[in-house]
């Protein structure tokens, strides 16, 4: 299937402005810091060189996120149909990724970026910056190597960029990817398609099919009537 990637520069500018400049709040927090219970948990299991993953992130997640940002808690898990093993408890991890070694490198880089943003950026910016960074990388010409440039393009702090670079060059990248693998392998039912989208910690084929067709419609369907974003009006 053919898909179209928007330019990294346009994506970075558009997503950063939409998600960060307008006082975005993440993790289901309201302006007064209280938890907003009208929030849908979304776990996305994907691969850095998977065309379906690229297509879904670019065409579904990124366009809908600005309208849905206060109503979703998104966890991005780069790993997919990979495997990981090691000979001893302290030995190096060995990975096999569906689209080869380059995908393993891309998965590790994105895992490092997600971890570093969570460790270093302000809490209210962590989710929008993560979505922006992953969106930038997945729309790049080579997602496997795009993370360092995307980290600059989306405006991550110098401290966060250094954390990402240090992580990519260290065993931490392997440990993070192995942890993503453990989480992916724990899915019930087992992962069969990439990307797999899990809503509120429960997988269903109905949710998966709707997520691929209309992510905003899926989220709107899971929100209570009171306080739905305006985009939900067009999904009725």
Protein backbone atom coordinates (compact mmCIF):
# COMPACT_ATOMS: atom_id res chain seq x y z
CA UNK A 1 0.00 0.00 0.00
CA UNK A 2 1.18 3.50 -0.72
CA UNK A 3 1.43 6.12 1.95
CA UNK A 4 2.49 9.73 2.02
CA UNK A 5 4.93 11.26 4.48
CA UNK A 6 4.82 14.94 5.24
CA UNK A 7 8.18 16.68 5.42
CA UNK A 8 9.99 16.45 8.74
CA UNK A 9 10.40 20.21 8.97
CA UNK A 10 6.69 20.85 8.39
CA UNK A 11 5.70 18.10 10.79
CA UNK A 12 8.02 19.28 13.54
CA UNK A 13 6.84 22.87 13.26
CA UNK A 14 3.15 22.03 13.05
CA UNK A 15 3.12 19.45 15.81
CA UNK A 16 5.34 21.45 18.16
CA UNK A 17 3.22 24.58 17.76
CA UNK A 18 -0.05 22.69 18.15
CA UNK A 19 1.00 20.53 21.08
CA UNK A 20 3.39 22.68 23.11
CA UNK A 21 2.84 26.34 22.39
CA UNK A 22 -0.83 26.28 23.36
CA UNK A 23 -0.41 25.16 26.93
CA UNK A 24 -0.86 21.45 26.34
CA UNK A 25 -1.48 19.32 29.43
CA UNK A 26 -0.72 15.62 29.43
CA UNK A 27 -1.45 12.49 31.45
CA UNK A 28 -5.07 13.48 32.00
CA UNK A 29 -4.39 16.52 34.16
CA UNK A 30 -6.71 19.48 34.26
CA UNK A 31 -5.51 23.06 34.57
CA UNK A 32 -5.85 22.96 38.36
CA UNK A 33 -3.74 19.81 38.56
CA UNK A 34 -6.61 17.48 39.40
CA UNK A 35 -7.05 14.24 37.54
CA UNK A 36 -9.55 14.22 34.69
CA UNK A 37 -11.35 10.89 34.79
CA UNK A 38 -12.65 11.38 31.25
CA UNK A 39 -9.37 10.09 29.81
CA UNK A 40 -8.76 7.05 27.61
CA UNK A 41 -5.57 5.03 28.09
CA UNK A 42 -4.03 4.15 24.74
CA UNK A 43 -1.10 1.74 24.37
CA UNK A 44 0.47 1.66 20.91
CA UNK A 45 2.71 -1.30 20.02
CA UNK A 46 4.64 -0.48 16.85
CA UNK A 47 7.92 -0.78 14.92
CA UNK A 48 10.17 1.97 13.62
CA UNK A 49 10.39 0.63 10.04
CA UNK A 50 6.89 -0.80 9.72
CA UNK A 51 4.95 0.94 6.95
CA UNK A 52 1.63 0.34 8.71
CA UNK A 53 3.05 1.90 11.88
CA UNK A 54 4.29 4.91 9.95
CA UNK A 55 0.99 5.30 8.18
CA UNK A 56 -1.07 5.07 11.39
CA UNK A 57 1.08 7.51 13.35
CA UNK A 58 1.20 10.05 10.51
CA UNK A 59 -2.40 9.74 9.31
CA UNK A 60 -4.31 8.90 12.51
CA UNK A 61 -2.41 9.79 15.69
CA UNK A 62 -0.80 13.09 14.69
CA UNK A 63 -3.83 14.76 13.06
CA UNK A 64 -6.20 13.81 15.89
CA UNK A 65 -3.92 14.44 18.86
CA UNK A 66 -4.30 18.24 19.17
CA UNK A 67 -8.08 17.86 19.60
CA UNK A 68 -7.86 14.78 21.81
CA UNK A 69 -4.79 15.65 23.88
CA UNK A 70 -6.68 16.28 27.13
CA UNK A 71 -8.60 13.04 26.79
CA UNK A 72 -5.88 10.49 26.05
CA UNK A 73 -2.97 9.04 27.97
CA UNK A 74 -0.73 7.55 25.31
CA UNK A 75 2.01 4.97 25.88
CA UNK A 76 4.18 4.28 22.84
CA UNK A 77 5.97 0.91 22.79
CA UNK A 78 8.48 0.47 19.93
CA UNK A 79 9.25 -3.26 19.52
CA UNK A 80 6.58 -5.10 17.53
CA UNK A 81 7.37 -8.54 16.09
CA UNK A 82 10.90 -8.64 17.42
CA UNK A 83 12.61 -11.17 19.72
CA UNK A 84 15.21 -10.71 22.42
CA UNK A 85 17.45 -13.19 24.21
CA UNK A 86 20.72 -13.29 26.11
CA UNK A 87 23.02 -16.12 27.10
CA UNK A 88 23.38 -15.17 30.76
CA UNK A 89 21.50 -12.97 33.22
CA UNK A 90 24.14 -10.25 32.85
CA UNK A 91 25.14 -10.87 29.23
CA UNK A 92 24.36 -8.55 26.32
CA UNK A 93 20.90 -8.63 24.77
CA UNK A 94 20.51 -10.05 21.28
CA UNK A 95 17.63 -8.71 19.18
CA UNK A 96 16.02 -9.83 15.94
CA UNK A 97 13.61 -7.30 14.45
CA UNK A 98 11.03 -7.89 11.73
CA UNK A 99 12.63 -5.41 9.33
CA UNK A 100 16.24 -6.13 10.20
CA UNK A 101 19.04 -4.56 12.28
CA UNK A 102 18.18 -1.00 11.20
CA UNK A 103 14.74 -1.39 12.75
CA UNK A 104 16.31 -2.59 15.99
CA UNK A 105 18.44 0.57 16.02
CA UNK A 106 15.40 2.71 15.33
CA UNK A 107 13.37 0.99 18.05
CA UNK A 108 16.20 1.50 20.54
CA UNK A 109 16.57 5.17 19.62
CA UNK A 110 12.85 5.82 20.05
CA UNK A 111 12.82 3.88 23.33
CA UNK A 112 15.70 6.07 24.51
CA UNK A 113 13.88 9.23 23.44
CA UNK A 114 10.65 8.24 25.21
CA UNK A 115 12.59 7.37 28.38
CA UNK A 116 14.67 10.57 28.28
CA UNK A 117 11.66 12.83 27.79
CA UNK A 118 9.97 11.17 30.76
CA UNK A 119 13.14 11.63 32.83
CA UNK A 120 14.01 15.21 31.93
CA UNK A 121 11.15 17.29 30.52
CA UNK A 122 8.45 19.00 32.57
CA UNK A 123 5.57 16.66 33.40
CA UNK A 124 2.98 18.73 31.52
CA UNK A 125 5.05 18.54 28.33
CA UNK A 126 6.09 14.90 28.38
CA UNK A 127 3.18 13.44 26.41
CA UNK A 128 2.99 16.11 23.67
CA UNK A 129 6.75 16.10 23.22
CA UNK A 130 6.80 12.30 23.01
CA UNK A 131 4.04 12.27 20.40
CA UNK A 132 5.80 15.03 18.49
CA UNK A 133 9.20 13.29 18.61
CA UNK A 134 7.87 9.89 17.54
CA UNK A 135 5.73 11.51 14.86
CA UNK A 136 8.76 13.34 13.50
CA UNK A 137 10.88 10.18 13.44
CA UNK A 138 8.17 8.03 11.87
CA UNK A 139 7.60 10.56 9.08
CA UNK A 140 11.31 10.94 8.29
CA UNK A 141 12.99 9.47 5.26
CA UNK A 142 14.90 7.06 7.51
CA UNK A 143 13.13 6.58 10.87
CA UNK A 144 15.98 4.36 12.08
CA UNK A 145 18.37 7.32 12.28
CA UNK A 146 15.99 10.26 12.68
CA UNK A 147 15.71 10.57 16.46
CA UNK A 148 18.70 12.89 17.17
CA UNK A 149 17.64 15.39 14.49
CA UNK A 150 13.99 15.16 15.50
CA UNK A 151 14.97 15.84 19.11
CA UNK A 152 16.30 19.19 17.93
CA UNK A 153 13.43 19.83 15.53
CA UNK A 154 10.71 19.43 18.18
CA UNK A 155 12.53 21.58 20.71
CA UNK A 156 13.71 19.11 23.34
CA UNK A 157 15.98 20.66 25.93
CA UNK A 158 19.74 20.32 25.61
CA UNK A 159 19.72 18.11 28.71
CA UNK A 160 17.15 15.76 27.18
CA UNK A 161 19.02 15.60 23.87
CA UNK A 162 22.20 14.62 25.72
CA UNK A 163 20.32 11.95 27.66
CA UNK A 164 19.04 10.53 24.37
CA UNK A 165 22.50 10.49 22.77
CA UNK A 166 24.06 8.90 25.86
CA UNK A 167 21.28 6.30 26.03
CA UNK A 168 21.61 5.31 22.37
CA UNK A 169 25.35 4.74 22.87
CA UNK A 170 24.95 2.70 26.08
CA UNK A 171 23.54 -0.65 27.27
CA UNK A 172 20.50 1.27 28.55
CA UNK A 173 19.12 1.24 24.99
CA UNK A 174 19.19 -2.56 25.01
CA UNK A 175 17.58 -2.72 28.44
CA UNK A 176 14.78 -0.37 27.40
CA UNK A 177 14.08 -2.32 24.22
CA UNK A 178 14.10 -5.60 26.14
CA UNK A 179 11.59 -4.12 28.60
CA UNK A 180 9.40 -3.11 25.65
CA UNK A 181 9.73 -6.65 24.40
CA UNK A 182 8.60 -8.09 27.72
CA UNK A 183 5.58 -5.80 27.69
CA UNK A 184 4.76 -6.71 24.09
CA UNK A 185 5.11 -10.44 24.76
CA UNK A 186 2.74 -10.13 27.73
CA UNK A 187 -0.11 -8.95 25.51
CA UNK A 188 -3.29 -11.03 25.60
CA UNK A 189 -4.09 -12.14 23.01
CA UNK A 190 -0.53 -12.23 21.63
CA UNK A 191 0.42 -9.49 19.16
CA UNK A 192 -0.33 -10.46 15.57
CA UNK A 193 -0.47 -7.11 13.77
CA UNK A 194 1.68 -3.99 13.94
CA UNK A 195 0.66 -1.47 15.04
CA UNK A 196 -1.56 -2.90 17.75
CA UNK A 197 -3.66 -0.37 19.67
CA UNK A 198 -4.93 -1.31 23.13
CA UNK A 199 -7.63 0.76 24.82
CA UNK A 200 -7.85 0.98 28.61
CA UNK A 201 -5.54 -2.03 28.96
CA UNK A 202 -7.91 -4.36 27.07
CA UNK A 203 -7.41 -5.45 23.46
CA UNK A 204 -10.39 -6.00 21.19
CA UNK A 205 -10.60 -6.49 17.45
CA UNK A 206 -13.40 -3.93 17.31
CA UNK A 207 -11.19 -1.26 18.88
CA UNK A 208 -8.23 -2.27 16.72
CA UNK A 209 -10.20 -2.02 13.48
CA UNK A 210 -11.72 1.31 14.46
CA UNK A 211 -8.34 2.70 15.53
CA UNK A 212 -6.92 1.92 12.10
CA UNK A 213 -9.93 3.48 10.38
CA UNK A 214 -10.69 6.45 12.67
CA UNK A 215 -8.66 6.92 15.84
CA UNK A 216 -10.58 10.05 16.80
CA UNK A 217 -13.88 8.21 16.40
CA UNK A 218 -12.63 5.40 18.63
CA UNK A 219 -11.58 7.80 21.39
CA UNK A 220 -14.84 9.74 21.16
CA UNK A 221 -16.79 6.51 21.55
CA UNK A 222 -14.99 5.77 24.82
CA UNK A 223 -15.52 9.22 26.33
CA UNK A 224 -18.51 10.16 28.44
CA UNK A 225 -20.93 12.62 26.87
CA UNK A 226 -20.00 15.44 29.23
CA UNK A 227 -16.86 17.28 28.24
CA UNK A 228 -16.19 15.64 24.90
CA UNK A 229 -13.94 17.65 22.58
CA UNK A 230 -15.54 19.39 19.62
CA UNK A 231 -14.07 16.87 17.16
CA UNK A 232 -16.48 14.29 18.59
CA UNK A 233 -19.42 16.20 17.15
CA UNK A 234 -18.22 15.43 13.65
CA UNK A 235 -17.76 11.75 14.53
CA UNK A 236 -21.43 11.21 15.35
